[in-house]
N, C-alpha and C. Protein backbone atom coordinates (compact mmCIF):
# COMPACT_ATOMS: atom_id res chain seq x y z
N MET A 1 -0.86 -8.57 -16.52
CA MET A 1 0.39 -7.76 -16.89
C MET A 1 1.46 -8.95 -17.06
N THR A 2 2.03 -8.91 -18.26
CA THR A 2 3.02 -9.89 -18.64
C THR A 2 4.57 -9.22 -18.34
N THR A 3 5.35 -10.03 -18.43
CA THR A 3 6.84 -9.64 -18.04
C THR A 3 7.26 -8.73 -19.12
N ARG A 4 6.88 -9.07 -20.43
CA ARG A 4 7.34 -8.16 -21.60
C ARG A 4 6.61 -6.69 -21.48
N ARG A 5 5.31 -6.75 -21.13
CA ARG A 5 4.57 -5.53 -20.92
C ARG A 5 5.20 -4.71 -19.92
N SER A 6 5.59 -5.33 -18.73
CA SER A 6 6.11 -4.64 -17.51
C SER A 6 7.52 -4.05 -17.91
N ALA A 7 8.39 -4.85 -18.62
CA ALA A 7 9.70 -4.28 -19.16
C ALA A 7 9.49 -3.05 -20.02
N ILE A 8 8.58 -3.12 -20.93
CA ILE A 8 8.32 -2.04 -21.84
C ILE A 8 7.99 -0.73 -21.08
N LEU A 9 6.96 -1.00 -20.06
CA LEU A 9 6.62 0.20 -19.28
C LEU A 9 7.84 0.83 -18.51
N ILE A 10 8.68 -0.07 -17.99
CA ILE A 10 9.70 0.35 -17.16
C ILE A 10 10.76 1.26 -18.22
N VAL A 11 10.98 0.68 -19.31
CA VAL A 11 11.89 1.34 -20.29
C VAL A 11 11.22 2.70 -20.71
N LEU A 12 9.98 2.72 -21.11
CA LEU A 12 9.35 3.96 -21.39
C LEU A 12 9.42 4.98 -20.30
N GLY A 13 9.31 4.59 -19.06
CA GLY A 13 9.41 5.46 -17.91
C GLY A 13 10.89 6.09 -17.85
N TRP A 14 11.90 5.18 -18.12
CA TRP A 14 13.29 5.73 -18.20
C TRP A 14 13.46 6.70 -19.23
N VAL A 15 12.95 6.42 -20.39
CA VAL A 15 13.13 7.26 -21.70
C VAL A 15 12.52 8.58 -21.28
N HIS A 16 11.43 8.55 -20.69
CA HIS A 16 10.61 9.77 -20.45
C HIS A 16 11.41 10.65 -19.51
N SER A 17 11.95 10.06 -18.50
CA SER A 17 12.85 10.70 -17.56
C SER A 17 14.17 11.25 -17.98
N VAL A 18 14.72 10.60 -18.99
CA VAL A 18 16.00 11.00 -19.54
C VAL A 18 15.91 11.93 -20.75
N PHE A 19 14.69 12.00 -21.42
CA PHE A 19 14.58 12.72 -22.60
C PHE A 19 14.47 14.11 -22.22
N TRP A 20 13.82 14.59 -21.35
CA TRP A 20 13.39 15.98 -20.92
C TRP A 20 14.70 16.76 -20.59
N PRO A 21 15.75 16.19 -19.71
CA PRO A 21 17.04 16.94 -19.48
C PRO A 21 17.84 17.01 -20.68
N VAL A 22 17.77 15.92 -21.45
CA VAL A 22 18.76 15.91 -22.60
C VAL A 22 18.30 16.70 -23.84
N ALA A 23 17.00 16.91 -23.92
CA ALA A 23 16.49 17.70 -25.10
C ALA A 23 17.14 19.09 -25.18
N PRO A 24 17.41 19.86 -24.02
CA PRO A 24 17.88 21.29 -24.24
C PRO A 24 19.35 21.07 -24.76
N LEU A 25 20.12 19.97 -24.37
CA LEU A 25 21.42 19.86 -24.81
C LEU A 25 21.47 19.65 -26.41
N LEU A 26 20.37 19.16 -26.92
CA LEU A 26 20.34 18.84 -28.32
C LEU A 26 19.67 20.00 -29.15
N GLY A 27 19.36 21.04 -28.32
CA GLY A 27 18.90 22.34 -29.06
C GLY A 27 17.46 22.77 -28.90
N TRP A 28 16.72 21.74 -28.35
CA TRP A 28 15.25 22.16 -28.00
C TRP A 28 14.96 22.32 -26.52
N GLY A 29 14.61 23.69 -26.39
CA GLY A 29 14.34 24.11 -24.98
C GLY A 29 15.55 24.65 -24.38
N GLU A 30 15.44 25.15 -23.03
CA GLU A 30 16.33 25.73 -22.35
C GLU A 30 16.17 25.52 -20.75
N ILE A 31 17.18 25.25 -20.19
CA ILE A 31 16.98 25.10 -18.61
C ILE A 31 17.80 26.18 -17.97
N VAL A 32 17.24 26.90 -17.11
CA VAL A 32 17.73 28.08 -16.43
C VAL A 32 17.65 27.78 -14.91
N MET A 33 18.48 28.63 -14.26
CA MET A 33 18.70 28.68 -12.78
C MET A 33 17.54 29.71 -12.21
N ASP A 34 16.67 29.11 -11.28
CA ASP A 34 15.76 29.97 -10.70
C ASP A 34 16.21 30.51 -9.43
N PRO A 35 16.62 31.78 -9.33
CA PRO A 35 17.31 32.45 -8.36
C PRO A 35 16.22 32.41 -7.01
N MET A 36 15.05 32.35 -7.18
CA MET A 36 13.99 32.32 -6.05
C MET A 36 14.03 31.05 -5.33
N THR A 37 14.23 29.90 -6.15
CA THR A 37 14.19 28.55 -5.36
C THR A 37 15.51 27.90 -5.40
N ASN A 38 16.52 28.49 -5.99
CA ASN A 38 17.81 27.91 -6.29
C ASN A 38 17.74 26.54 -6.86
N THR A 39 16.92 26.32 -7.84
CA THR A 39 16.82 25.07 -8.62
C THR A 39 16.86 25.36 -10.08
N CYS A 40 17.12 24.38 -10.83
CA CYS A 40 17.13 24.45 -12.31
C CYS A 40 15.74 24.11 -12.78
N ARG A 41 15.15 24.75 -13.70
CA ARG A 41 13.91 24.49 -14.30
C ARG A 41 14.08 24.85 -15.77
N PRO A 42 12.83 24.52 -16.51
CA PRO A 42 12.80 25.01 -17.84
C PRO A 42 12.53 26.44 -17.88
N ASN A 43 12.84 27.04 -19.04
CA ASN A 43 12.69 28.62 -19.13
C ASN A 43 11.27 28.86 -19.48
N PHE A 44 10.35 28.84 -18.55
CA PHE A 44 8.99 29.00 -18.85
C PHE A 44 8.77 30.57 -19.30
N GLY A 45 9.72 31.41 -18.94
CA GLY A 45 9.48 32.87 -19.50
C GLY A 45 10.21 33.21 -20.71
N GLY A 46 10.91 32.11 -21.46
CA GLY A 46 11.63 32.42 -22.45
C GLY A 46 10.71 33.09 -23.62
N LYS A 47 11.51 33.92 -24.53
CA LYS A 47 10.63 34.60 -25.57
C LYS A 47 10.63 33.73 -26.91
N GLY A 48 11.53 32.88 -27.03
CA GLY A 48 11.55 32.08 -28.33
C GLY A 48 10.56 31.04 -28.28
N VAL A 49 10.19 30.62 -29.69
CA VAL A 49 9.18 29.69 -29.76
C VAL A 49 9.75 28.27 -29.29
N VAL A 50 11.16 27.97 -29.54
CA VAL A 50 11.60 26.80 -29.16
C VAL A 50 11.56 26.51 -27.51
N SER A 51 11.86 27.55 -26.79
CA SER A 51 11.64 27.48 -25.36
C SER A 51 10.30 27.42 -24.89
N LYS A 52 9.28 27.94 -25.47
CA LYS A 52 7.84 27.88 -25.27
C LYS A 52 7.50 26.53 -25.52
N THR A 53 7.68 26.06 -26.59
CA THR A 53 7.15 24.80 -26.96
C THR A 53 7.64 23.55 -26.09
N TYR A 54 8.98 23.71 -25.75
CA TYR A 54 9.48 22.80 -24.86
C TYR A 54 8.97 22.80 -23.70
N ALA A 55 8.74 23.85 -23.05
CA ALA A 55 8.06 24.08 -21.68
C ALA A 55 6.59 23.55 -21.66
N MET A 56 5.91 23.98 -22.66
CA MET A 56 4.61 23.54 -22.82
C MET A 56 4.36 22.10 -22.96
N VAL A 57 5.15 21.47 -23.91
CA VAL A 57 4.98 20.03 -24.17
C VAL A 57 5.54 19.21 -22.84
N MET A 58 6.54 19.61 -22.18
CA MET A 58 7.17 19.11 -21.01
C MET A 58 6.05 19.11 -19.96
N SER A 59 5.39 20.16 -19.73
CA SER A 59 4.32 20.36 -18.84
C SER A 59 3.24 19.48 -18.99
N PHE A 60 2.85 19.27 -20.27
CA PHE A 60 1.72 18.47 -20.67
C PHE A 60 2.13 16.94 -20.34
N PHE A 61 3.28 16.57 -20.71
CA PHE A 61 3.63 15.12 -20.48
C PHE A 61 4.17 14.85 -19.12
N SER A 62 4.29 15.92 -18.37
CA SER A 62 4.72 15.64 -16.89
C SER A 62 3.57 15.75 -15.85
N PHE A 63 2.61 16.20 -16.25
CA PHE A 63 1.34 16.42 -15.53
C PHE A 63 0.02 15.88 -16.05
N VAL A 64 -0.42 16.32 -17.13
CA VAL A 64 -1.52 15.84 -17.68
C VAL A 64 -1.42 14.41 -18.08
N ILE A 65 -0.42 13.94 -18.86
CA ILE A 65 -0.37 12.42 -19.28
C ILE A 65 -0.24 11.51 -17.95
N PRO A 66 0.58 11.89 -16.99
CA PRO A 66 0.64 10.95 -15.89
C PRO A 66 -0.54 11.03 -15.01
N THR A 67 -1.46 12.09 -14.99
CA THR A 67 -2.54 12.15 -14.42
C THR A 67 -3.59 11.21 -14.93
N VAL A 68 -3.78 11.32 -16.34
CA VAL A 68 -4.66 10.38 -17.00
C VAL A 68 -4.18 8.91 -16.85
N VAL A 69 -2.94 8.55 -16.99
CA VAL A 69 -2.53 7.32 -16.79
C VAL A 69 -2.71 6.91 -15.54
N MET A 70 -2.69 7.58 -14.40
CA MET A 70 -2.93 7.13 -12.99
C MET A 70 -4.29 6.76 -12.80
N ILE A 71 -5.19 7.71 -13.33
CA ILE A 71 -6.56 7.40 -13.17
C ILE A 71 -6.98 6.21 -13.93
N GLY A 72 -6.53 5.89 -15.12
CA GLY A 72 -6.75 4.73 -15.84
C GLY A 72 -6.37 3.45 -15.04
N CYS A 73 -4.92 3.54 -14.67
CA CYS A 73 -4.33 2.31 -13.93
C CYS A 73 -5.23 2.05 -12.70
N TYR A 74 -5.45 2.96 -11.91
CA TYR A 74 -5.96 2.82 -10.62
C TYR A 74 -7.48 2.37 -10.73
N CYS A 75 -8.17 2.77 -11.63
CA CYS A 75 -9.59 2.28 -11.99
C CYS A 75 -9.45 0.83 -12.42
N GLN A 76 -8.53 0.46 -13.34
CA GLN A 76 -8.31 -0.87 -13.57
C GLN A 76 -8.04 -1.76 -12.45
N ILE A 77 -7.14 -1.35 -11.67
CA ILE A 77 -6.71 -2.05 -10.47
C ILE A 77 -7.92 -2.31 -9.55
N PHE A 78 -8.67 -1.14 -9.30
CA PHE A 78 -9.83 -1.29 -8.32
C PHE A 78 -10.85 -2.21 -9.01
N ARG A 79 -11.16 -2.23 -10.24
CA ARG A 79 -12.11 -3.14 -11.02
C ARG A 79 -11.54 -4.60 -10.88
N VAL A 80 -10.25 -4.87 -11.22
CA VAL A 80 -9.91 -6.28 -11.00
C VAL A 80 -9.92 -6.70 -9.60
N ALA A 81 -9.51 -5.96 -8.69
CA ALA A 81 -9.40 -6.35 -7.24
C ALA A 81 -10.78 -6.65 -6.73
N ARG A 82 -11.91 -5.76 -7.15
CA ARG A 82 -13.15 -6.00 -6.69
C ARG A 82 -13.80 -7.32 -7.26
N ASN A 83 -13.42 -7.51 -8.51
CA ASN A 83 -13.87 -8.82 -9.08
C ASN A 83 -13.22 -10.18 -8.46
N GLN A 84 -12.02 -9.99 -8.02
CA GLN A 84 -11.30 -11.05 -7.38
C GLN A 84 -11.82 -11.29 -6.08
N VAL A 85 -12.22 -10.12 -5.27
CA VAL A 85 -12.75 -10.44 -4.05
C VAL A 85 -14.23 -11.09 -4.17
N LYS A 86 -14.95 -10.60 -5.13
CA LYS A 86 -16.27 -11.18 -5.19
C LYS A 86 -16.34 -12.74 -5.50
N LEU A 87 -15.15 -13.00 -6.43
CA LEU A 87 -14.96 -14.51 -6.68
C LEU A 87 -14.61 -15.22 -5.51
N ILE A 88 -13.72 -14.81 -4.68
CA ILE A 88 -13.20 -15.48 -3.53
C ILE A 88 -14.29 -15.73 -2.51
N ASN A 89 -15.08 -14.62 -2.26
CA ASN A 89 -16.00 -14.71 -1.25
C ASN A 89 -17.35 -15.06 -1.60
N LYS A 90 -17.53 -15.46 -2.97
CA LYS A 90 -18.78 -15.86 -3.40
C LYS A 90 -19.41 -16.99 -2.72
N ASN A 91 -18.70 -18.01 -2.40
CA ASN A 91 -19.19 -19.18 -1.82
C ASN A 91 -18.83 -19.21 -0.33
N SER A 92 -18.24 -18.25 0.32
CA SER A 92 -17.82 -18.23 1.73
C SER A 92 -18.95 -18.02 2.70
N ILE A 93 -18.70 -18.40 3.79
CA ILE A 93 -19.90 -18.39 4.94
C ILE A 93 -20.21 -16.99 5.19
N GLU A 94 -19.05 -16.08 5.06
CA GLU A 94 -19.42 -14.80 5.38
C GLU A 94 -20.48 -14.08 4.38
N THR A 95 -20.38 -14.45 3.11
CA THR A 95 -21.26 -13.66 2.22
C THR A 95 -22.68 -14.31 2.41
N ARG A 96 -22.82 -15.35 2.79
CA ARG A 96 -24.16 -15.93 3.15
C ARG A 96 -24.84 -15.24 4.37
N GLN A 97 -24.05 -14.75 5.18
CA GLN A 97 -24.64 -14.03 6.40
C GLN A 97 -25.17 -12.72 5.90
N ASN A 98 -26.03 -12.08 6.83
CA ASN A 98 -26.81 -10.79 6.41
C ASN A 98 -25.80 -9.76 6.14
N GLY A 99 -24.66 -9.87 7.07
CA GLY A 99 -23.54 -8.69 6.96
C GLY A 99 -22.66 -8.75 5.92
N GLY A 100 -22.69 -9.88 5.23
CA GLY A 100 -21.64 -10.03 4.30
C GLY A 100 -21.59 -9.11 3.20
N SER A 101 -22.67 -9.01 2.57
CA SER A 101 -22.95 -7.94 1.41
C SER A 101 -22.39 -6.45 1.82
N HIS A 102 -22.98 -6.10 3.06
CA HIS A 102 -22.67 -4.92 3.59
C HIS A 102 -21.22 -4.67 3.83
N ARG A 103 -20.62 -5.75 4.38
CA ARG A 103 -18.99 -5.65 4.54
C ARG A 103 -18.22 -5.43 3.19
N ASN A 104 -18.74 -6.34 2.10
CA ASN A 104 -18.20 -6.19 0.83
C ASN A 104 -18.18 -4.73 0.39
N LYS A 105 -19.38 -4.20 0.50
CA LYS A 105 -19.60 -2.74 0.04
C LYS A 105 -18.82 -1.71 0.83
N ALA A 106 -18.55 -2.09 2.10
CA ALA A 106 -17.66 -1.18 2.92
C ALA A 106 -16.22 -1.29 2.50
N ASN A 107 -15.76 -2.42 2.11
CA ASN A 107 -14.35 -2.63 1.66
C ASN A 107 -14.05 -1.92 0.44
N GLU A 108 -15.18 -2.04 -0.51
CA GLU A 108 -14.98 -1.44 -1.85
C GLU A 108 -15.01 0.00 -1.69
N SER A 109 -15.77 0.54 -0.79
CA SER A 109 -15.82 2.05 -0.60
C SER A 109 -14.52 2.43 -0.04
N LYS A 110 -13.99 1.71 0.96
CA LYS A 110 -12.68 2.08 1.54
C LYS A 110 -11.57 1.97 0.38
N ALA A 111 -11.64 1.06 -0.46
CA ALA A 111 -10.51 0.87 -1.48
C ALA A 111 -10.81 2.16 -2.51
N LEU A 112 -11.96 2.61 -2.77
CA LEU A 112 -12.22 3.61 -3.71
C LEU A 112 -11.79 4.99 -3.03
N LYS A 113 -11.93 5.17 -1.74
CA LYS A 113 -11.60 6.42 -1.14
C LYS A 113 -9.95 6.52 -1.04
N THR A 114 -9.31 5.29 -0.85
CA THR A 114 -7.88 5.43 -0.79
C THR A 114 -7.39 5.70 -2.28
N VAL A 115 -7.96 5.14 -3.36
CA VAL A 115 -7.52 5.45 -4.72
C VAL A 115 -7.71 7.03 -4.88
N LEU A 116 -8.92 7.48 -4.43
CA LEU A 116 -9.15 8.96 -4.64
C LEU A 116 -8.17 9.81 -3.82
N LEU A 117 -7.77 9.35 -2.65
CA LEU A 117 -6.88 10.18 -1.88
C LEU A 117 -5.40 10.18 -2.60
N VAL A 118 -4.99 9.13 -3.12
CA VAL A 118 -3.79 9.05 -3.86
C VAL A 118 -3.72 9.96 -5.03
N LEU A 119 -4.69 9.90 -5.85
CA LEU A 119 -4.98 10.72 -7.00
C LEU A 119 -5.11 12.25 -6.61
N GLY A 120 -5.84 12.39 -5.52
CA GLY A 120 -6.13 13.72 -5.10
C GLY A 120 -4.77 14.42 -4.55
N ALA A 121 -3.96 13.64 -3.84
CA ALA A 121 -2.66 14.23 -3.51
C ALA A 121 -1.84 14.56 -4.60
N PHE A 122 -1.77 13.66 -5.66
CA PHE A 122 -0.88 13.98 -6.72
C PHE A 122 -1.36 15.25 -7.54
N VAL A 123 -2.71 15.39 -7.77
CA VAL A 123 -3.18 16.61 -8.47
C VAL A 123 -2.98 17.82 -7.67
N LEU A 124 -3.31 17.82 -6.26
CA LEU A 124 -3.09 18.96 -5.50
C LEU A 124 -1.60 19.42 -5.36
N ALA A 125 -0.66 18.38 -5.48
CA ALA A 125 0.69 18.74 -5.34
C ALA A 125 1.33 19.43 -6.54
N TRP A 126 0.84 18.80 -7.75
CA TRP A 126 1.42 19.35 -8.95
C TRP A 126 0.59 20.49 -9.66
N LEU A 127 -0.69 20.46 -9.35
CA LEU A 127 -1.48 21.44 -10.00
C LEU A 127 -0.98 23.00 -9.80
N PRO A 128 -0.75 23.38 -8.58
CA PRO A 128 -0.15 24.80 -8.53
C PRO A 128 1.11 25.01 -9.24
N TYR A 129 1.93 24.21 -9.10
CA TYR A 129 3.22 24.36 -9.84
C TYR A 129 3.02 24.35 -11.33
N THR A 130 2.14 23.47 -11.84
CA THR A 130 1.85 23.53 -13.34
C THR A 130 1.14 24.72 -13.72
N ILE A 131 0.27 25.30 -13.02
CA ILE A 131 -0.52 26.45 -13.35
C ILE A 131 0.41 27.62 -13.30
N ILE A 132 1.36 27.89 -12.31
CA ILE A 132 2.40 29.00 -12.26
C ILE A 132 3.28 28.84 -13.38
N SER A 133 3.80 27.69 -13.57
CA SER A 133 4.71 27.55 -14.72
C SER A 133 4.20 27.79 -16.06
N THR A 134 2.99 27.03 -16.39
CA THR A 134 2.49 27.36 -17.59
C THR A 134 1.98 28.86 -17.85
N GLY A 135 1.49 29.47 -16.62
CA GLY A 135 1.06 30.95 -16.66
C GLY A 135 2.34 31.80 -17.19
N LYS A 136 3.43 31.49 -17.03
CA LYS A 136 4.50 32.26 -17.44
C LYS A 136 4.77 32.25 -18.87
N LEU A 137 4.23 31.28 -19.62
CA LEU A 137 4.29 30.97 -20.93
C LEU A 137 3.49 32.12 -21.64
N VAL A 138 2.48 32.55 -21.16
CA VAL A 138 1.61 33.53 -21.92
C VAL A 138 1.57 34.97 -21.25
N THR A 139 2.03 34.94 -19.87
CA THR A 139 2.09 36.31 -19.26
C THR A 139 3.30 36.47 -18.42
N ARG A 140 3.72 37.59 -17.91
CA ARG A 140 4.73 37.83 -17.03
C ARG A 140 4.53 37.69 -15.66
N TRP A 141 3.54 36.76 -15.40
CA TRP A 141 3.11 36.48 -13.97
C TRP A 141 4.26 35.90 -13.16
N ASN A 142 4.65 36.49 -12.10
CA ASN A 142 5.85 36.13 -11.23
C ASN A 142 5.35 36.18 -9.76
N ILE A 143 5.72 35.23 -9.02
CA ILE A 143 5.15 35.20 -7.64
C ILE A 143 6.50 35.42 -6.84
N GLY A 144 6.32 35.68 -5.61
CA GLY A 144 7.36 35.92 -4.64
C GLY A 144 8.26 34.81 -4.32
N PRO A 145 9.33 34.90 -3.73
CA PRO A 145 10.16 33.78 -3.44
C PRO A 145 9.55 32.83 -2.50
N THR A 146 8.92 33.39 -1.29
CA THR A 146 8.33 32.48 -0.43
C THR A 146 7.16 31.65 -1.00
N SER A 147 6.35 32.17 -1.95
CA SER A 147 5.33 31.38 -2.45
C SER A 147 5.88 30.38 -3.48
N ALA A 148 6.97 30.75 -4.19
CA ALA A 148 7.57 29.91 -5.09
C ALA A 148 8.26 28.72 -4.33
N ASN A 149 8.99 28.91 -3.22
CA ASN A 149 9.50 27.74 -2.56
C ASN A 149 8.41 26.97 -1.83
N ALA A 150 7.25 27.45 -1.51
CA ALA A 150 6.26 26.74 -0.87
C ALA A 150 5.50 25.76 -2.03
N VAL A 151 5.41 26.37 -3.04
CA VAL A 151 4.74 25.58 -4.19
C VAL A 151 5.72 24.43 -4.56
N LEU A 152 6.88 24.74 -4.75
CA LEU A 152 8.03 23.75 -5.00
C LEU A 152 8.16 22.66 -3.94
N THR A 153 8.09 23.09 -2.80
CA THR A 153 8.24 22.03 -1.70
C THR A 153 6.92 21.10 -1.77
N ILE A 154 5.93 21.59 -1.85
CA ILE A 154 4.72 20.82 -1.88
C ILE A 154 4.76 19.77 -3.10
N THR A 155 5.32 20.27 -4.22
CA THR A 155 5.38 19.37 -5.33
C THR A 155 6.46 18.30 -5.03
N LEU A 156 7.54 18.57 -4.42
CA LEU A 156 8.61 17.56 -4.21
C LEU A 156 8.26 16.55 -3.38
N ILE A 157 7.50 16.98 -2.22
CA ILE A 157 7.14 16.04 -1.18
C ILE A 157 6.02 15.02 -1.45
N ASN A 158 5.53 15.26 -2.68
CA ASN A 158 4.40 14.32 -3.19
C ASN A 158 4.74 12.92 -2.97
N GLY A 159 6.00 12.45 -3.66
CA GLY A 159 6.37 11.28 -3.71
C GLY A 159 6.67 10.40 -2.35
N SER A 160 6.59 11.29 -1.18
CA SER A 160 6.66 10.59 0.10
C SER A 160 5.36 10.51 0.75
N ILE A 161 4.27 11.01 0.16
CA ILE A 161 2.85 11.01 0.81
C ILE A 161 2.17 9.62 0.63
N ASN A 162 2.31 8.95 -0.39
CA ASN A 162 1.60 7.65 -0.65
C ASN A 162 1.77 6.72 0.50
N PRO A 163 3.03 6.49 0.96
CA PRO A 163 3.10 5.38 1.95
C PRO A 163 2.32 5.77 3.25
N PHE A 164 2.20 7.02 3.50
CA PHE A 164 1.53 7.39 4.67
C PHE A 164 -0.12 7.27 4.49
N ILE A 165 -0.41 7.52 3.10
CA ILE A 165 -1.86 7.32 2.89
C ILE A 165 -2.26 5.83 3.07
N TYR A 166 -1.47 5.08 2.28
CA TYR A 166 -1.75 3.62 2.47
C TYR A 166 -1.73 3.07 3.91
N SER A 167 -0.67 3.63 4.80
CA SER A 167 -0.59 3.12 6.28
C SER A 167 -1.80 3.57 7.11
N LEU A 168 -2.38 4.71 6.72
CA LEU A 168 -3.60 5.23 7.39
C LEU A 168 -4.80 4.51 6.93
N ARG A 169 -4.81 3.94 5.65
CA ARG A 169 -6.03 3.38 5.14
C ARG A 169 -6.09 1.83 5.30
N ASP A 170 -4.90 1.12 5.50
CA ASP A 170 -4.74 -0.28 5.55
C ASP A 170 -3.97 -0.71 6.79
N LYS A 171 -4.67 -1.60 7.55
CA LYS A 171 -3.95 -2.05 8.73
C LYS A 171 -2.70 -2.88 8.50
N ARG A 172 -2.88 -3.81 7.36
CA ARG A 172 -1.75 -4.50 7.20
C ARG A 172 -0.44 -3.74 6.58
N PHE A 173 -0.78 -2.80 5.74
CA PHE A 173 0.25 -1.85 5.34
C PHE A 173 0.88 -1.04 6.47
N LYS A 174 -0.08 -0.66 7.47
CA LYS A 174 0.46 0.03 8.71
C LYS A 174 1.38 -0.89 9.58
N GLY A 175 0.98 -2.06 9.70
CA GLY A 175 1.82 -3.06 10.48
C GLY A 175 2.99 -3.17 9.76
N GLY A 176 3.18 -3.45 8.32
CA GLY A 176 4.41 -3.55 7.72
C GLY A 176 5.29 -2.24 7.82
N PHE A 177 4.61 -1.03 7.70
CA PHE A 177 5.32 0.22 7.92
C PHE A 177 5.88 0.36 9.27
N LYS A 178 5.30 -0.11 10.30
CA LYS A 178 5.91 -0.09 11.56
C LYS A 178 7.07 -0.88 11.84
N LYS A 179 6.89 -2.08 11.23
CA LYS A 179 7.92 -3.17 11.27
C LYS A 179 9.17 -2.54 10.61
N ILE A 180 9.02 -1.98 9.44
CA ILE A 180 10.24 -1.47 8.84
C ILE A 180 10.96 -0.35 9.61
N ILE A 181 10.15 0.49 10.14
CA ILE A 181 10.62 1.61 10.87
C ILE A 181 11.28 1.33 12.27
N CYS A 182 10.51 0.35 13.00
CA CYS A 182 11.05 0.08 14.25
C CYS A 182 11.93 -1.14 14.39
N SER A 183 12.10 -1.82 13.16
CA SER A 183 12.85 -3.12 13.21
C SER A 183 14.44 -2.58 13.55
N CYS A 184 15.11 -3.49 14.28
CA CYS A 184 16.49 -3.16 14.55
C CYS A 184 17.31 -3.56 13.26
N GLY A 185 16.77 -4.26 12.31
CA GLY A 185 17.56 -4.50 11.04
C GLY A 185 18.01 -5.97 11.00
N LYS A 186 17.98 -6.63 12.12
CA LYS A 186 18.52 -7.96 12.20
C LYS A 186 17.56 -8.92 11.59
N ASN A 187 16.22 -8.78 11.96
CA ASN A 187 15.19 -9.75 11.42
C ASN A 187 14.26 -9.05 10.32
N LEU A 188 14.70 -7.83 9.83
CA LEU A 188 13.91 -7.38 8.94
C LEU A 188 13.68 -8.08 7.70
N VAL A 189 14.78 -8.57 7.02
CA VAL A 189 14.79 -9.23 5.79
C VAL A 189 13.82 -10.57 6.01
N GLU A 190 14.07 -11.53 7.15
CA GLU A 190 13.48 -12.65 7.38
C GLU A 190 11.96 -12.44 7.66
N ASP A 191 11.60 -11.24 8.35
CA ASP A 191 10.13 -10.94 8.43
C ASP A 191 9.51 -10.72 7.10
N THR A 192 10.25 -9.90 6.30
CA THR A 192 9.59 -9.64 5.03
C THR A 192 9.46 -10.84 4.20
N MET A 193 10.38 -11.70 4.24
CA MET A 193 10.25 -12.87 3.40
C MET A 193 9.15 -13.65 3.87
N ASP A 194 9.07 -13.90 5.21
CA ASP A 194 7.98 -14.81 5.72
C ASP A 194 6.66 -14.11 5.36
N SER A 195 6.48 -12.81 5.56
CA SER A 195 5.21 -12.20 4.94
C SER A 195 4.95 -12.38 3.61
N TYR A 196 6.00 -12.32 2.92
CA TYR A 196 5.85 -12.53 1.37
C TYR A 196 5.40 -13.92 1.03
N VAL A 197 6.11 -15.02 1.63
CA VAL A 197 5.76 -16.37 1.48
C VAL A 197 4.30 -16.69 1.97
N SER A 198 3.99 -16.11 3.10
CA SER A 198 2.54 -16.34 3.46
C SER A 198 1.60 -15.80 2.60
N SER A 199 1.72 -14.54 2.03
CA SER A 199 0.95 -14.05 0.96
C SER A 199 0.81 -14.86 -0.26
N VAL A 200 2.01 -15.39 -0.63
CA VAL A 200 2.01 -16.18 -1.86
C VAL A 200 1.09 -17.46 -1.58
N ARG A 201 1.23 -18.02 -0.36
CA ARG A 201 0.50 -19.28 -0.17
C ARG A 201 -0.95 -19.05 -0.02
N ARG A 202 -1.33 -17.95 0.50
CA ARG A 202 -2.71 -17.54 0.44
C ARG A 202 -3.28 -17.35 -0.84
N THR A 203 -2.54 -16.73 -1.75
CA THR A 203 -2.94 -16.59 -3.10
C THR A 203 -3.07 -17.91 -3.91
N GLN A 204 -2.16 -18.59 -3.67
CA GLN A 204 -2.25 -20.04 -4.35
C GLN A 204 -3.33 -20.79 -3.73
N ALA A 205 -3.61 -20.72 -2.37
CA ALA A 205 -4.70 -21.49 -1.75
C ALA A 205 -6.10 -21.13 -2.40
N SER A 206 -6.23 -19.88 -2.56
CA SER A 206 -7.45 -19.28 -3.16
C SER A 206 -7.74 -19.53 -4.56
N GLN A 207 -6.64 -19.84 -5.42
CA GLN A 207 -6.63 -19.87 -6.80
C GLN A 207 -7.52 -21.00 -7.33
N PRO A 208 -7.30 -22.37 -6.66
CA PRO A 208 -8.16 -23.40 -7.28
C PRO A 208 -9.71 -23.15 -7.09
N GLU A 209 -9.97 -22.30 -6.05
CA GLU A 209 -11.41 -22.11 -5.90
C GLU A 209 -11.95 -21.08 -6.92
N ILE A 210 -10.97 -20.33 -7.18
CA ILE A 210 -11.27 -19.26 -8.38
C ILE A 210 -11.55 -19.96 -9.76
N ASN A 211 -10.61 -20.79 -10.08
CA ASN A 211 -10.59 -21.65 -11.08
C ASN A 211 -11.76 -22.45 -11.22
N ALA A 212 -12.28 -23.10 -10.18
CA ALA A 212 -13.28 -23.97 -10.14
C ALA A 212 -14.60 -23.27 -10.47
N GLN A 213 -14.71 -22.00 -9.95
CA GLN A 213 -15.88 -21.04 -10.18
C GLN A 213 -15.93 -20.75 -11.61
N ASP A 214 -14.77 -20.35 -12.22
CA ASP A 214 -14.60 -20.00 -13.48
C ASP A 214 -15.20 -21.17 -14.43
N THR A 215 -14.84 -22.35 -13.97
CA THR A 215 -15.06 -23.59 -14.72
C THR A 215 -16.60 -23.78 -14.83
N HIS A 216 -17.37 -23.56 -13.41
CA HIS A 216 -18.68 -23.65 -13.55
C HIS A 216 -19.37 -22.60 -14.37
N LEU A 217 -18.85 -21.43 -14.45
CA LEU A 217 -19.34 -20.34 -15.06
C LEU A 217 -19.34 -20.43 -16.62
C-alpha cells in the first residue's frame, strides 16, 4: 500500500460520504424526517422515479459495495499476514519442533475467525435495515416504531463493536484497550509511543531475515 494509493482511498471515502447528502440538494433523491425514529433518511416510500433510484443506488453503495470491499480487503490482509508469519517462522526453533506446525495452524484459524466475526457483525447490523429500507421501494411494508428503533440502533452501534471483537480475540489488543481505558492520562501518550517504537523495532529486526530468505528463494 503506497502513500498515493492510501490518499486516493481516503479521498474516495470522503467523496462517498459527502455525495449522498448533497445529491438531494441538487435534485436527485429526497431526504425526509422519519417520525418513528426521529431521524432523517432517504424517502424509501417515495412514488417518483427520482426518489426510488436515489434510495436504491444509495442502499447498493452503502451496503453491498462496502461488504464486497471489506471481504476483499480482509482476505488480502489475512493472506499477506499468513505469508509473513510463515517467512518469519520458517527457520525458527519453534517451527522445527513437533508443535510448531500445529500452533501456526491454530493462529491462522484464530485470525480467520476474527475476520469472520468482524464481517459477520457488519452484515448482521446492516442487513435488517437494508432489507426494510429497500422493501419500502416495492411495497408499502411498514414496521412499528419499536422495531424501527431497534433496527436503527443495531445499525448505528456497529461502528463500536469492532474494538471489543479485537480485544476479545487478541491479548495484545486487549492489553492496549485496558491501558487506554484505565490510564490516568498522564502516561498514556508515552506508553503508546513506547509500544509503537517497540513494534517498529521488532518489525525492522525481522525484516533482514525475510529479505535473506527471499534472496535464497
